[in-house]
C-alpha atoms as a PDB file:
ATOM      1  CA  MET A   1      39.730  34.941 -13.427  1.00  0.00           C
ATOM      2  CA  HIS A   2      36.533  36.619 -13.430  1.00  0.00           C
ATOM      3  CA  LEU A   3      33.107  35.825 -13.287  1.00  0.00           C
ATOM      4  CA  SER A   4      30.163  38.062 -13.024  1.00  0.00           C
ATOM      5  CA  ILE A   5      27.452  37.742 -10.979  1.00  0.00           C
ATOM      6  CA  GLY A   6      25.013  36.372 -13.720  1.00  0.00           C
ATOM      7  CA  THR A   7      27.616  33.376 -14.357  1.00  0.00           C
ATOM      8  CA  GLY A   8      27.242  32.995 -10.514  1.00  0.00           C
ATOM      9  CA  VAL A   9      23.342  32.871 -10.558  1.00  0.00           C
ATOM     10  CA  ARG A  10      23.440  30.535 -13.628  1.00  0.00           C
ATOM     11  CA  ILE A  11      25.790  28.541 -11.965  1.00  0.00           C
ATOM     12  CA  ALA A  12      23.310  28.371  -8.695  1.00  0.00           C
ATOM     13  CA  PHE A  13      20.307  27.505 -10.616  1.00  0.00           C
ATOM     14  CA  ALA A  14      21.658  24.676 -12.630  1.00  0.00           C
ATOM     15  CA  LEU A  15      23.366  22.648  -9.166  1.00  0.00           C
ATOM     16  CA  VAL A  16      19.525  23.570  -7.917  1.00  0.00           C
ATOM     17  CA  GLY A  17      17.959  21.644 -10.650  1.00  0.00           C
ATOM     18  CA  ILE A  18      20.342  19.303 -10.494  1.00  0.00           C
ATOM     19  CA  SER A  19      19.559  18.518  -6.804  1.00  0.00           C
ATOM     20  CA  LEU A  20      15.739  18.513  -7.392  1.00  0.00           C
ATOM     21  CA  LEU A  21      16.421  16.205 -10.678  1.00  0.00           C
ATOM     22  CA  SER A  22      17.895  13.344  -7.428  1.00  0.00           C
ATOM     23  CA  ALA A  23      15.667  14.346  -5.013  1.00  0.00           C
ATOM     24  CA  SER A  24      12.712  13.602  -7.431  1.00  0.00           C
ATOM     25  CA  SER A  25      14.887  10.458  -8.386  1.00  0.00           C
ATOM     26  CA  ALA A  26      15.171   9.247  -5.080  1.00  0.00           C
ATOM     27  CA  ARG A  27      11.280   9.561  -4.657  1.00  0.00           C
ATOM     28  CA  ALA A  28      10.536   7.653  -7.378  1.00  0.00           C
ATOM     29  CA  ASP A  29      12.625   5.122  -6.594  1.00  0.00           C
ATOM     30  CA  ALA A  30      11.228   5.082  -2.597  1.00  0.00           C
ATOM     31  CA  ALA A  31       7.889   4.870  -4.621  1.00  0.00           C
ATOM     32  CA  GLY A  32       8.769   1.810  -6.538  1.00  0.00           C
ATOM     33  CA  ALA A  33      10.630   0.127  -3.542  1.00  0.00           C
ATOM     34  CA  ALA A  34       6.918   0.935  -1.623  1.00  0.00           C
ATOM     35  CA  ALA A  35       4.699  -1.105  -4.543  1.00  0.00           C
ATOM     36  CA  CYS A  36       6.949  -3.883  -4.750  1.00  0.00           C
ATOM     37  CA  ALA A  37       6.757  -4.191  -1.087  1.00  0.00           C
ATOM     38  CA  GLY A  38       2.796  -3.780  -1.486  1.00  0.00           C
ATOM     39  CA  LYS A  39       2.743  -7.002  -3.753  1.00  0.00           C
ATOM     40  CA  LEU A  40       5.120  -9.058  -1.154  1.00  0.00           C
ATOM     41  CA  ASP A  41       3.297 -12.111   0.671  1.00  0.00           C
ATOM     42  CA  LYS A  42       3.101 -11.955   3.954  1.00  0.00           C
ATOM     43  CA  PRO A  43       6.478 -13.542   5.336  1.00  0.00           C
ATOM     44  CA  SER A  44       8.732 -11.535   2.459  1.00  0.00           C
ATOM     45  CA  ARG A  45       6.988  -8.502   3.603  1.00  0.00           C
ATOM     46  CA  LEU A  46       8.199  -8.813   7.440  1.00  0.00           C
ATOM     47  CA  ILE A  47      11.614  -8.883   6.065  1.00  0.00           C
ATOM     48  CA  TYR A  48      10.936  -5.941   4.270  1.00  0.00           C
ATOM     49  CA  ASP A  49       9.448  -4.180   6.906  1.00  0.00           C
ATOM     50  CA  ALA A  50      12.270  -5.035   9.652  1.00  0.00           C
ATOM     51  CA  THR A  51      15.258  -4.443   6.731  1.00  0.00           C
ATOM     52  CA  ALA A  52      14.041  -1.129   5.180  1.00  0.00           C
ATOM     53  CA  GLN A  53      14.804   1.875   7.205  1.00  0.00           C
ATOM     54  CA  THR A  54      18.663   0.679   7.671  1.00  0.00           C
ATOM     55  CA  ALA A  55      18.928  -0.920   3.952  1.00  0.00           C
ATOM     56  CA  VAL A  56      19.358   2.382   2.374  1.00  0.00           C
ATOM     57  CA  SER A  57      22.364   3.038   4.435  1.00  0.00           C
ATOM     58  CA  SER A  58      23.759  -0.482   4.956  1.00  0.00           C
ATOM     59  CA  GLY A  59      27.354  -1.727   3.204  1.00  0.00           C
ATOM     60  CA  ASP A  60      26.424  -4.662   1.678  1.00  0.00           C
ATOM     61  CA  LEU A  61      22.180  -5.236   1.641  1.00  0.00           C
ATOM     62  CA  ARG A  62      22.642  -9.261   1.366  1.00  0.00           C
ATOM     63  CA  ASP A  63      24.235  -9.484   4.773  1.00  0.00           C
ATOM     64  CA  LEU A  64      21.582  -7.436   6.410  1.00  0.00           C
ATOM     65  CA  VAL A  65      18.921  -9.459   5.048  1.00  0.00           C
ATOM     66  CA  ALA A  66      19.922 -12.052   5.903  1.00  0.00           C
ATOM     67  CA  SER A  67      20.859 -11.257   9.513  1.00  0.00           C
ATOM     68  CA  LYS A  68      17.157  -9.663   9.764  1.00  0.00           C
ATOM     69  CA  THR A  69      15.957 -12.604   8.459  1.00  0.00           C
ATOM     70  CA  ARG A  70      18.286 -14.973  10.663  1.00  0.00           C
ATOM     71  CA  SER A  71      16.261 -12.669  13.577  1.00  0.00           C
ATOM     72  CA  LEU A  72      13.068 -13.254  12.722  1.00  0.00           C
ATOM     73  CA  VAL A  73      13.589 -16.778  12.482  1.00  0.00           C
ATOM     74  CA  MET A  74      15.395 -17.432  15.510  1.00  0.00           C
ATOM     75  CA  SER A  75      12.440 -15.541  17.076  1.00  0.00           C
ATOM     76  CA  GLY A  76       9.735 -17.501  15.838  1.00  0.00           C
ATOM     77  CA  GLN A  77       8.137 -14.445  14.011  1.00  0.00           C
ATOM     78  CA  LEU A  78       8.981 -15.967  10.385  1.00  0.00           C
ATOM     79  CA  PRO A  79       8.683 -19.896   9.674  1.00  0.00           C
ATOM     80  CA  ARG A  80      12.084 -21.329   8.829  1.00  0.00           C
ATOM     81  CA  ALA A  81      10.804 -23.418   6.108  1.00  0.00           C
ATOM     82  CA  GLY A  82      10.047 -20.790   3.349  1.00  0.00           C
ATOM     83  CA  ALA A  83      12.730 -18.063   4.216  1.00  0.00           C
ATOM     84  CA  ARG A  84      14.908 -17.990   2.245  1.00  0.00           C
ATOM     85  CA  GLU A  85      12.581 -17.353  -0.799  1.00  0.00           C
ATOM     86  CA  ALA A  86      11.502 -14.943   1.581  1.00  0.00           C
ATOM     87  CA  ALA A  87      14.198 -12.697   1.736  1.00  0.00           C
ATOM     88  CA  GLU A  88      14.950 -13.288  -1.857  1.00  0.00           C
ATOM     89  CA  ALA A  89      11.509 -11.493  -2.852  1.00  0.00           C
ATOM     90  CA  ALA A  90      12.155  -9.092  -0.354  1.00  0.00           C
ATOM     91  CA  GLY A  91      15.616  -8.103  -1.651  1.00  0.00           C
ATOM     92  CA  ARG A  92      14.348  -7.296  -4.636  1.00  0.00           C
ATOM     93  CA  CYS A  93      12.389  -4.250  -3.172  1.00  0.00           C
ATOM     94  CA  LEU A  94      15.159  -3.312  -1.006  1.00  0.00           C
ATOM     95  CA  VAL A  95      17.516  -3.107  -4.181  1.00  0.00           C
ATOM     96  CA  LEU A  96      15.102  -0.076  -5.084  1.00  0.00           C
ATOM     97  CA  LEU A  97      15.640   1.395  -2.050  1.00  0.00           C
ATOM     98  CA  ARG A  98      19.297   1.776  -3.060  1.00  0.00           C
ATOM     99  CA  GLN A  99      18.960   3.041  -6.677  1.00  0.00           C
END
């Protein structure tokens, strides 16, 4: 099979276009997550901030949020009362980072 140079160039431009679309989608999701996080109350924001950096690459987001929340409660940075609700609110914003 013979491909002309023009075909290769068109394929390269198509691939660049696809990667640019993917990059802009990722930025939009990060922006959405940041906007969501900006609306969180203080305990939820504490969980979000503690989790956001590893949320993108972590396997199970629910386990990660639970672990970070537990750690914050045990260290006295987050009161136990309301921790579950705060974690759920933070989790809704963290999901946006993974889309």
